[in-house]
N, C-alpha and C. Protein backbone atom coordinates (compact mmCIF):
# COMPACT_ATOMS: atom_id res chain seq x y z
N MET A 1 5.07 3.17 -29.07
CA MET A 1 4.89 3.82 -27.85
C MET A 1 4.69 5.34 -27.96
N ALA A 2 3.71 5.88 -27.28
CA ALA A 2 3.52 7.28 -27.37
C ALA A 2 4.34 7.98 -26.28
N HIS A 3 4.82 9.23 -26.64
CA HIS A 3 5.75 9.96 -25.83
C HIS A 3 5.17 11.32 -25.67
N PRO A 4 5.21 11.82 -24.55
CA PRO A 4 4.74 13.27 -24.29
C PRO A 4 5.52 14.35 -25.03
N LYS A 5 4.87 15.33 -25.70
CA LYS A 5 5.60 16.29 -26.45
C LYS A 5 6.23 17.34 -25.62
N ARG A 6 5.46 17.54 -24.44
CA ARG A 6 5.99 18.56 -23.48
C ARG A 6 5.93 17.96 -22.02
N LYS A 7 6.83 18.51 -21.16
CA LYS A 7 6.89 18.04 -19.81
C LYS A 7 5.53 18.46 -19.06
N ILE A 8 4.97 17.61 -18.33
CA ILE A 8 3.74 17.99 -17.55
C ILE A 8 4.40 18.56 -16.29
N SER A 9 3.84 19.76 -16.00
CA SER A 9 4.30 20.51 -14.76
C SER A 9 3.81 19.96 -13.49
N LYS A 10 4.57 20.20 -12.51
CA LYS A 10 4.24 19.66 -11.12
C LYS A 10 2.90 20.12 -10.68
N SER A 11 2.46 21.28 -11.02
CA SER A 11 1.15 21.85 -10.65
C SER A 11 0.03 21.06 -11.23
N ARG A 12 0.11 20.71 -12.79
CA ARG A 12 -0.74 20.04 -13.48
C ARG A 12 -0.94 18.70 -13.12
N ARG A 13 0.22 18.12 -12.74
CA ARG A 13 0.26 16.67 -12.17
C ARG A 13 -0.44 16.57 -10.77
N ASP A 14 -0.25 17.62 -9.95
CA ASP A 14 -0.79 17.57 -8.64
C ASP A 14 -2.24 17.83 -8.69
N LYS A 15 -2.74 18.71 -9.76
CA LYS A 15 -4.25 18.87 -9.82
C LYS A 15 -4.92 17.59 -10.22
N ARG A 16 -4.30 16.75 -10.94
CA ARG A 16 -4.86 15.56 -11.29
C ARG A 16 -4.87 14.68 -10.12
N ARG A 17 -4.09 14.68 -9.20
CA ARG A 17 -3.98 13.81 -7.99
C ARG A 17 -4.73 14.29 -6.80
N THR A 18 -5.62 15.37 -7.03
CA THR A 18 -6.28 15.98 -5.70
C THR A 18 -7.19 14.95 -5.17
N HIS A 19 -7.85 13.97 -5.88
CA HIS A 19 -8.84 13.08 -5.35
C HIS A 19 -8.06 11.82 -4.72
N TYR A 20 -6.75 11.62 -4.77
CA TYR A 20 -6.03 10.53 -4.35
C TYR A 20 -5.78 10.81 -2.74
N LYS A 21 -6.63 10.80 -1.88
CA LYS A 21 -6.32 11.15 -0.49
C LYS A 21 -6.69 9.96 0.29
N ALA A 22 -5.92 9.82 1.45
CA ALA A 22 -6.34 8.72 2.38
C ALA A 22 -7.54 9.24 3.15
N THR A 23 -8.42 8.35 3.51
CA THR A 23 -9.62 8.67 4.33
C THR A 23 -9.50 7.81 5.61
N ALA A 24 -10.02 8.42 6.66
CA ALA A 24 -10.06 7.72 7.90
C ALA A 24 -11.02 6.58 7.97
N PRO A 25 -10.79 5.50 8.60
CA PRO A 25 -11.95 4.48 8.55
C PRO A 25 -13.07 4.91 9.33
N THR A 26 -14.23 4.45 8.96
CA THR A 26 -15.57 4.75 9.70
C THR A 26 -15.46 3.95 10.96
N LEU A 27 -15.68 4.65 12.09
CA LEU A 27 -15.81 3.95 13.37
C LEU A 27 -17.20 4.02 13.86
N SER A 28 -17.54 3.00 14.73
CA SER A 28 -18.78 3.06 15.33
C SER A 28 -18.70 2.36 16.72
N THR A 29 -19.62 2.58 17.48
CA THR A 29 -19.52 1.91 18.86
C THR A 29 -20.13 0.57 18.79
N CYS A 30 -19.45 -0.25 19.72
CA CYS A 30 -20.00 -1.82 19.88
C CYS A 30 -21.25 -1.75 20.67
N SER A 31 -22.19 -2.48 20.11
CA SER A 31 -23.51 -2.51 20.82
C SER A 31 -23.43 -3.36 22.18
N ASN A 32 -22.34 -4.20 22.27
CA ASN A 32 -22.17 -5.03 23.47
C ASN A 32 -21.45 -4.43 24.52
N CYS A 33 -20.27 -3.83 24.27
CA CYS A 33 -19.36 -3.32 25.23
C CYS A 33 -19.18 -1.73 25.14
N GLY A 34 -19.63 -1.18 24.02
CA GLY A 34 -19.43 0.32 23.90
C GLY A 34 -18.05 0.80 23.42
N GLU A 35 -17.11 -0.07 23.12
CA GLU A 35 -15.84 0.28 22.61
C GLU A 35 -16.01 0.65 21.16
N MET A 36 -14.95 1.58 20.68
CA MET A 36 -15.02 1.92 19.43
C MET A 36 -14.55 0.74 18.44
N LYS A 37 -15.16 0.58 17.23
CA LYS A 37 -14.71 -0.62 16.40
C LYS A 37 -14.91 -0.10 15.07
N MET A 38 -14.29 -0.80 14.06
CA MET A 38 -14.51 -0.48 12.62
C MET A 38 -15.86 -0.90 12.10
N ALA A 39 -16.48 -0.24 11.33
CA ALA A 39 -17.85 -0.69 10.84
C ALA A 39 -17.74 -2.02 10.06
N HIS A 40 -18.81 -2.86 10.27
CA HIS A 40 -18.96 -4.06 9.75
C HIS A 40 -18.00 -5.10 10.02
N ARG A 41 -17.33 -4.95 11.17
CA ARG A 41 -16.39 -6.07 11.62
C ARG A 41 -16.72 -6.40 13.06
N ALA A 42 -16.17 -7.49 13.44
CA ALA A 42 -16.38 -7.95 14.89
C ALA A 42 -15.64 -6.97 15.89
N CYS A 43 -16.03 -6.88 17.03
CA CYS A 43 -15.37 -5.91 18.09
C CYS A 43 -14.04 -6.68 18.43
N PRO A 44 -12.97 -5.98 18.36
CA PRO A 44 -11.77 -6.58 18.91
C PRO A 44 -11.54 -6.88 20.40
N SER A 45 -12.41 -6.03 21.13
CA SER A 45 -12.22 -6.18 22.50
C SER A 45 -13.20 -7.13 23.10
N CYS A 46 -14.47 -7.41 22.58
CA CYS A 46 -15.33 -8.26 23.20
C CYS A 46 -15.56 -9.62 22.26
N GLY A 47 -15.45 -9.38 20.95
CA GLY A 47 -15.65 -10.47 20.06
C GLY A 47 -17.02 -10.56 19.46
N TYR A 48 -17.83 -9.52 19.73
CA TYR A 48 -19.35 -9.58 19.27
C TYR A 48 -19.39 -8.84 17.89
N TYR A 49 -20.34 -9.41 17.19
CA TYR A 49 -20.78 -8.66 15.86
C TYR A 49 -22.20 -9.03 15.76
N ASN A 50 -23.09 -7.90 15.59
CA ASN A 50 -24.45 -7.99 15.29
C ASN A 50 -25.17 -8.80 16.47
N ASP A 51 -24.76 -8.38 17.66
CA ASP A 51 -25.41 -9.08 18.86
C ASP A 51 -25.01 -10.62 18.98
N ARG A 52 -24.09 -11.11 18.29
CA ARG A 52 -23.73 -12.48 18.48
C ARG A 52 -22.11 -12.62 18.70
N SER A 53 -21.78 -13.60 19.42
CA SER A 53 -20.41 -13.73 19.75
C SER A 53 -19.71 -14.55 18.61
N MET A 54 -18.68 -13.89 18.08
CA MET A 54 -18.08 -14.49 16.91
C MET A 54 -16.74 -15.13 17.30
N PHE A 55 -16.01 -14.67 18.35
CA PHE A 55 -14.85 -15.24 18.91
C PHE A 55 -14.53 -14.82 20.25
N ILE A 56 -13.78 -15.49 21.01
CA ILE A 56 -13.39 -15.15 22.26
C ILE A 56 -12.04 -14.44 22.29
N PRO A 57 -11.95 -13.11 22.54
CA PRO A 57 -10.69 -12.41 22.49
C PRO A 57 -9.71 -12.90 23.46
N LYS A 58 -8.38 -12.70 23.06
CA LYS A 58 -7.27 -13.34 23.81
C LYS A 58 -7.09 -12.18 25.10
N ALA A 59 -6.87 -12.71 26.22
CA ALA A 59 -6.56 -11.86 27.40
C ALA A 59 -5.18 -11.20 27.33
N GLU A 60 -5.18 -10.06 27.65
CA GLU A 60 -3.77 -9.27 27.59
C GLU A 60 -3.23 -9.17 28.95
């Protein structure tokens, strides 16, 4: 097993991790009801995807 000869400093470790960030999901508007929904998914409020009804949402 390989072992490091020197301790990796916190700044060097953090420089390596600069690209590991969380990104916000892409939101788009529903073509049927106009609510915000995640891209490439059925609308949770009306149940439509690509101008077709996929499911009937539960009434709250």
